[in-house]
């Protein structure tokens, strides 16, 4: 039985409209709170697209591994918590100190 790891050629990395919409939505939500510059908006959107790609790859690995929808949901809850921590670590590099304070106060 082959394992479904990062090198698995069955994992197809394709940016979908749904992924782009999700990244844009999250970028827009942050922009409403902190008012991003054009450069920040692009960098933040790129960050959220990287998260979308990681989530998609993980979902594909779970599908290949044969997890049930319930197992996938349980596993993805853990992954979403980890991604939230990634966001908390990335945003200080993408936002000004004032913006970061606004984001944390939301």
N, C-alpha and C. Protein backbone atom coordinates (compact mmCIF):
# COMPACT_ATOMS: atom_id res chain seq x y z
N UNK A 1 0.84 -1.18 0.00
CA UNK A 1 0.00 0.00 0.00
C UNK A 1 0.89 1.25 0.00
N UNK A 2 0.70 2.12 -0.95
CA UNK A 2 1.50 3.33 -1.05
C UNK A 2 0.97 4.36 -0.07
N UNK A 3 1.89 5.09 0.53
CA UNK A 3 1.46 6.14 1.44
C UNK A 3 1.15 7.41 0.65
N UNK A 4 0.29 8.22 1.19
CA UNK A 4 -0.09 9.47 0.54
C UNK A 4 0.69 10.60 1.20
N UNK A 5 1.92 10.80 0.77
CA UNK A 5 2.73 11.86 1.36
C UNK A 5 2.86 13.03 0.40
N UNK A 6 3.67 14.01 0.79
CA UNK A 6 3.80 15.23 0.00
C UNK A 6 4.33 14.96 -1.40
N UNK A 7 5.01 13.85 -1.60
CA UNK A 7 5.56 13.52 -2.90
C UNK A 7 4.61 12.65 -3.73
N UNK A 8 3.45 12.35 -3.22
CA UNK A 8 2.49 11.48 -3.89
C UNK A 8 2.03 12.16 -5.18
N UNK A 9 2.23 11.48 -6.31
CA UNK A 9 1.84 12.09 -7.58
C UNK A 9 0.33 12.10 -7.80
N UNK A 10 -0.41 11.53 -6.88
CA UNK A 10 -1.87 11.59 -6.96
C UNK A 10 -2.42 12.91 -6.40
N UNK A 11 -1.59 13.64 -5.70
CA UNK A 11 -1.99 14.94 -5.15
C UNK A 11 -1.82 15.97 -6.27
N UNK A 12 -2.91 16.57 -6.69
CA UNK A 12 -2.91 17.54 -7.78
C UNK A 12 -3.12 18.94 -7.21
N UNK A 13 -2.12 19.76 -7.35
CA UNK A 13 -2.20 21.12 -6.84
C UNK A 13 -2.71 22.05 -7.94
N UNK A 14 -3.97 22.42 -7.81
CA UNK A 14 -4.61 23.31 -8.77
C UNK A 14 -5.37 24.37 -7.98
N UNK A 15 -5.06 25.63 -8.27
CA UNK A 15 -5.81 26.71 -7.63
C UNK A 15 -7.20 26.75 -8.25
N UNK A 16 -8.21 26.63 -7.41
CA UNK A 16 -9.58 26.65 -7.89
C UNK A 16 -10.22 28.00 -7.60
N UNK A 17 -11.34 28.25 -8.25
CA UNK A 17 -12.09 29.48 -7.97
C UNK A 17 -12.51 29.52 -6.51
N UNK A 18 -12.89 28.37 -5.97
CA UNK A 18 -13.31 28.31 -4.56
C UNK A 18 -12.15 28.70 -3.64
N UNK A 19 -10.96 28.24 -3.95
CA UNK A 19 -9.78 28.60 -3.15
C UNK A 19 -9.51 30.10 -3.24
N UNK A 20 -9.56 30.63 -4.46
CA UNK A 20 -9.32 32.07 -4.66
C UNK A 20 -10.38 32.89 -3.93
N UNK A 21 -11.63 32.45 -4.00
CA UNK A 21 -12.71 33.17 -3.32
C UNK A 21 -12.53 33.14 -1.80
N UNK A 22 -12.11 32.00 -1.28
CA UNK A 22 -11.91 31.88 0.17
C UNK A 22 -10.77 32.79 0.62
N UNK A 23 -9.66 32.78 -0.12
CA UNK A 23 -8.52 33.64 0.22
C UNK A 23 -8.92 35.11 0.12
N UNK A 24 -9.66 35.46 -0.93
CA UNK A 24 -10.09 36.85 -1.10
C UNK A 24 -11.04 37.27 0.02
N UNK A 25 -11.92 36.35 0.43
CA UNK A 25 -12.86 36.66 1.52
C UNK A 25 -12.10 36.93 2.81
N UNK A 26 -11.14 36.07 3.11
CA UNK A 26 -10.37 36.25 4.35
C UNK A 26 -9.54 37.53 4.30
N UNK A 27 -8.98 37.82 3.13
CA UNK A 27 -8.22 39.06 2.95
C UNK A 27 -9.15 40.26 3.16
N UNK A 28 -10.34 40.19 2.57
CA UNK A 28 -11.31 41.27 2.72
C UNK A 28 -11.74 41.48 4.16
N UNK A 29 -11.91 40.39 4.89
CA UNK A 29 -12.30 40.50 6.29
C UNK A 29 -11.21 41.21 7.10
N UNK A 30 -9.97 40.85 6.83
CA UNK A 30 -8.85 41.49 7.53
C UNK A 30 -8.76 42.96 7.11
N UNK A 31 -8.95 43.23 5.82
CA UNK A 31 -8.88 44.60 5.30
C UNK A 31 -9.92 45.48 5.97
N UNK A 32 -11.10 44.96 6.23
CA UNK A 32 -12.16 45.74 6.90
C UNK A 32 -11.72 46.16 8.30
N UNK A 33 -10.97 45.29 8.96
CA UNK A 33 -10.56 45.57 10.34
C UNK A 33 -9.37 46.52 10.39
N UNK A 34 -8.39 46.33 9.50
CA UNK A 34 -7.12 47.06 9.64
C UNK A 34 -6.79 48.00 8.48
N UNK A 35 -7.54 48.01 7.39
CA UNK A 35 -7.29 48.82 6.20
C UNK A 35 -5.89 48.56 5.65
N UNK A 36 -5.81 47.53 4.82
CA UNK A 36 -4.55 47.12 4.21
C UNK A 36 -4.17 48.03 3.05
N UNK A 37 -2.85 48.20 2.85
CA UNK A 37 -2.37 48.87 1.64
C UNK A 37 -2.48 47.88 0.49
N UNK A 38 -2.32 48.35 -0.74
CA UNK A 38 -2.38 47.45 -1.89
C UNK A 38 -1.33 46.35 -1.78
N UNK A 39 -0.12 46.72 -1.38
CA UNK A 39 0.96 45.73 -1.24
C UNK A 39 0.62 44.72 -0.15
N UNK A 40 0.11 45.19 0.98
CA UNK A 40 -0.26 44.28 2.06
C UNK A 40 -1.39 43.35 1.61
N UNK A 41 -2.37 43.92 0.89
CA UNK A 41 -3.50 43.11 0.43
C UNK A 41 -2.99 41.95 -0.43
N UNK A 42 -2.04 42.24 -1.31
CA UNK A 42 -1.48 41.19 -2.16
C UNK A 42 -0.73 40.15 -1.34
N UNK A 43 0.09 40.61 -0.40
CA UNK A 43 0.86 39.67 0.43
C UNK A 43 -0.04 38.83 1.33
N UNK A 44 -1.07 39.46 1.90
CA UNK A 44 -2.01 38.75 2.76
C UNK A 44 -2.79 37.73 1.93
N UNK A 45 -3.24 38.13 0.76
CA UNK A 45 -3.96 37.20 -0.10
C UNK A 45 -3.07 36.02 -0.48
N UNK A 46 -1.81 36.29 -0.78
CA UNK A 46 -0.86 35.20 -1.09
C UNK A 46 -0.73 34.24 0.10
N UNK A 47 -0.68 34.80 1.30
CA UNK A 47 -0.60 33.96 2.50
C UNK A 47 -1.84 33.07 2.62
N UNK A 48 -3.02 33.67 2.43
CA UNK A 48 -4.25 32.88 2.55
C UNK A 48 -4.36 31.85 1.42
N UNK A 49 -3.84 32.17 0.24
CA UNK A 49 -3.82 31.16 -0.85
C UNK A 49 -2.91 30.00 -0.47
N UNK A 50 -1.80 30.28 0.20
CA UNK A 50 -0.92 29.18 0.62
C UNK A 50 -1.64 28.27 1.61
N UNK A 51 -2.46 28.86 2.46
CA UNK A 51 -3.24 28.05 3.40
C UNK A 51 -4.26 27.21 2.64
N UNK A 52 -4.93 27.82 1.68
CA UNK A 52 -5.91 27.09 0.86
C UNK A 52 -5.25 25.90 0.15
N UNK A 53 -4.06 26.11 -0.37
CA UNK A 53 -3.35 25.02 -1.06
C UNK A 53 -3.00 23.89 -0.08
N UNK A 54 -2.55 24.27 1.11
CA UNK A 54 -2.22 23.25 2.11
C UNK A 54 -3.45 22.46 2.52
N UNK A 55 -4.56 23.17 2.74
CA UNK A 55 -5.80 22.48 3.12
C UNK A 55 -6.26 21.53 2.02
N UNK A 56 -6.16 21.97 0.77
CA UNK A 56 -6.56 21.12 -0.35
C UNK A 56 -5.68 19.87 -0.43
N UNK A 57 -4.38 20.04 -0.27
CA UNK A 57 -3.48 18.89 -0.33
C UNK A 57 -3.77 17.91 0.80
N UNK A 58 -4.02 18.44 1.98
CA UNK A 58 -4.34 17.56 3.12
C UNK A 58 -5.65 16.82 2.86
N UNK A 59 -6.65 17.53 2.36
CA UNK A 59 -7.93 16.89 2.05
C UNK A 59 -7.74 15.78 1.01
N UNK A 60 -6.92 16.04 -0.01
CA UNK A 60 -6.67 15.01 -1.01
C UNK A 60 -5.96 13.79 -0.39
N UNK A 61 -5.01 14.04 0.50
CA UNK A 61 -4.32 12.92 1.16
C UNK A 61 -5.29 12.09 1.99
N UNK A 62 -6.20 12.77 2.69
CA UNK A 62 -7.18 12.06 3.48
C UNK A 62 -8.10 11.22 2.60
N UNK A 63 -8.47 11.75 1.46
CA UNK A 63 -9.32 11.02 0.52
C UNK A 63 -8.58 9.79 0.00
N UNK A 64 -7.33 9.97 -0.39
CA UNK A 64 -6.51 8.85 -0.89
C UNK A 64 -6.36 7.78 0.19
N UNK A 65 -6.23 8.21 1.43
CA UNK A 65 -6.07 7.27 2.54
C UNK A 65 -7.38 6.56 2.88
N UNK A 66 -8.49 7.03 2.31
CA UNK A 66 -9.76 6.36 2.54
C UNK A 66 -10.48 6.76 3.81
N UNK A 67 -10.18 7.93 4.34
CA UNK A 67 -10.88 8.36 5.55
C UNK A 67 -12.35 8.63 5.25
N UNK A 68 -13.20 8.32 6.20
CA UNK A 68 -14.63 8.61 6.06
C UNK A 68 -14.82 10.12 6.22
N UNK A 69 -15.97 10.63 5.79
CA UNK A 69 -16.23 12.06 5.99
C UNK A 69 -16.11 12.48 7.46
N UNK A 70 -16.53 11.62 8.37
CA UNK A 70 -16.45 11.93 9.79
C UNK A 70 -14.99 11.98 10.25
N UNK A 71 -14.18 11.03 9.78
CA UNK A 71 -12.76 11.03 10.13
C UNK A 71 -12.07 12.26 9.56
N UNK A 72 -12.40 12.60 8.31
CA UNK A 72 -11.81 13.78 7.69
C UNK A 72 -12.17 15.04 8.47
N UNK A 73 -13.42 15.16 8.87
CA UNK A 73 -13.86 16.33 9.63
C UNK A 73 -13.11 16.44 10.95
N UNK A 74 -12.94 15.32 11.62
CA UNK A 74 -12.22 15.30 12.88
C UNK A 74 -10.76 15.71 12.69
N UNK A 75 -10.13 15.14 11.68
CA UNK A 75 -8.73 15.46 11.39
C UNK A 75 -8.58 16.92 10.96
N UNK A 76 -9.50 17.40 10.14
CA UNK A 76 -9.40 18.76 9.64
C UNK A 76 -9.58 19.79 10.75
N UNK A 77 -10.33 19.45 11.80
CA UNK A 77 -10.48 20.38 12.92
C UNK A 77 -9.12 20.66 13.55
N UNK A 78 -8.31 19.63 13.68
CA UNK A 78 -6.96 19.78 14.23
C UNK A 78 -6.12 20.65 13.29
N UNK A 79 -6.22 20.38 11.99
CA UNK A 79 -5.46 21.13 10.99
C UNK A 79 -5.87 22.60 11.00
N UNK A 80 -7.17 22.87 11.10
CA UNK A 80 -7.63 24.26 11.13
C UNK A 80 -7.06 25.01 12.33
N UNK A 81 -6.96 24.35 13.47
CA UNK A 81 -6.36 24.98 14.65
C UNK A 81 -4.89 25.31 14.40
N UNK A 82 -4.19 24.40 13.75
CA UNK A 82 -2.78 24.63 13.43
C UNK A 82 -2.64 25.78 12.44
N UNK A 83 -3.53 25.86 11.48
CA UNK A 83 -3.48 26.94 10.48
C UNK A 83 -3.78 28.29 11.14
N UNK A 84 -4.66 28.29 12.14
CA UNK A 84 -4.93 29.52 12.88
C UNK A 84 -3.67 30.01 13.57
N UNK A 85 -2.89 29.09 14.12
CA UNK A 85 -1.62 29.47 14.75
C UNK A 85 -0.65 29.99 13.70
N UNK A 86 -0.65 29.39 12.51
CA UNK A 86 0.19 29.89 11.42
C UNK A 86 -0.19 31.34 11.08
N UNK A 87 -1.49 31.61 11.06
CA UNK A 87 -1.96 32.96 10.79
C UNK A 87 -1.47 33.93 11.86
N UNK A 88 -1.57 33.52 13.11
CA UNK A 88 -1.13 34.37 14.22
C UNK A 88 0.36 34.67 14.14
N UNK A 89 1.13 33.75 13.59
CA UNK A 89 2.57 33.97 13.44
C UNK A 89 2.90 34.79 12.20
N UNK A 90 2.12 34.65 11.14
CA UNK A 90 2.41 35.33 9.88
C UNK A 90 1.98 36.79 9.89
N UNK A 91 0.84 37.09 10.48
CA UNK A 91 0.30 38.44 10.39
C UNK A 91 1.21 39.51 10.99
N UNK A 92 1.95 39.25 12.06
CA UNK A 92 2.85 40.29 12.55
C UNK A 92 3.92 40.69 11.51
N UNK A 93 4.22 39.80 10.59
CA UNK A 93 5.19 40.13 9.54
C UNK A 93 4.53 40.88 8.39
N UNK A 94 3.20 40.83 8.30
CA UNK A 94 2.48 41.43 7.18
C UNK A 94 1.80 42.74 7.54
N UNK A 95 1.61 42.98 8.82
CA UNK A 95 0.87 44.16 9.28
C UNK A 95 1.78 45.11 10.05
N UNK A 96 1.37 46.38 10.11
CA UNK A 96 2.07 47.33 10.95
C UNK A 96 1.68 47.05 12.40
N UNK A 97 2.44 47.57 13.35
CA UNK A 97 2.06 47.37 14.76
C UNK A 97 0.64 47.88 15.08
N UNK A 98 0.26 49.02 14.51
CA UNK A 98 -1.10 49.54 14.75
C UNK A 98 -2.16 48.61 14.17
N UNK A 99 -1.91 48.12 12.97
CA UNK A 99 -2.85 47.19 12.33
C UNK A 99 -2.96 45.90 13.14
N UNK A 100 -1.83 45.42 13.60
CA UNK A 100 -1.82 44.19 14.39
C UNK A 100 -2.64 44.37 15.67
N UNK A 101 -2.50 45.53 16.31
CA UNK A 101 -3.27 45.80 17.52
C UNK A 101 -4.77 45.81 17.21
N UNK A 102 -5.17 46.41 16.08
CA UNK A 102 -6.58 46.42 15.68
C UNK A 102 -7.08 45.00 15.43
N UNK A 103 -6.27 44.21 14.75
CA UNK A 103 -6.66 42.82 14.44
C UNK A 103 -6.85 42.04 15.72
N UNK A 104 -5.92 42.18 16.66
CA UNK A 104 -6.01 41.43 17.92
C UNK A 104 -7.19 41.89 18.76
N UNK A 105 -7.59 43.15 18.62
CA UNK A 105 -8.71 43.71 19.41
C UNK A 105 -10.06 43.35 18.83
N UNK A 106 -10.11 42.81 17.63
CA UNK A 106 -11.40 42.54 16.97
C UNK A 106 -12.26 41.57 17.72
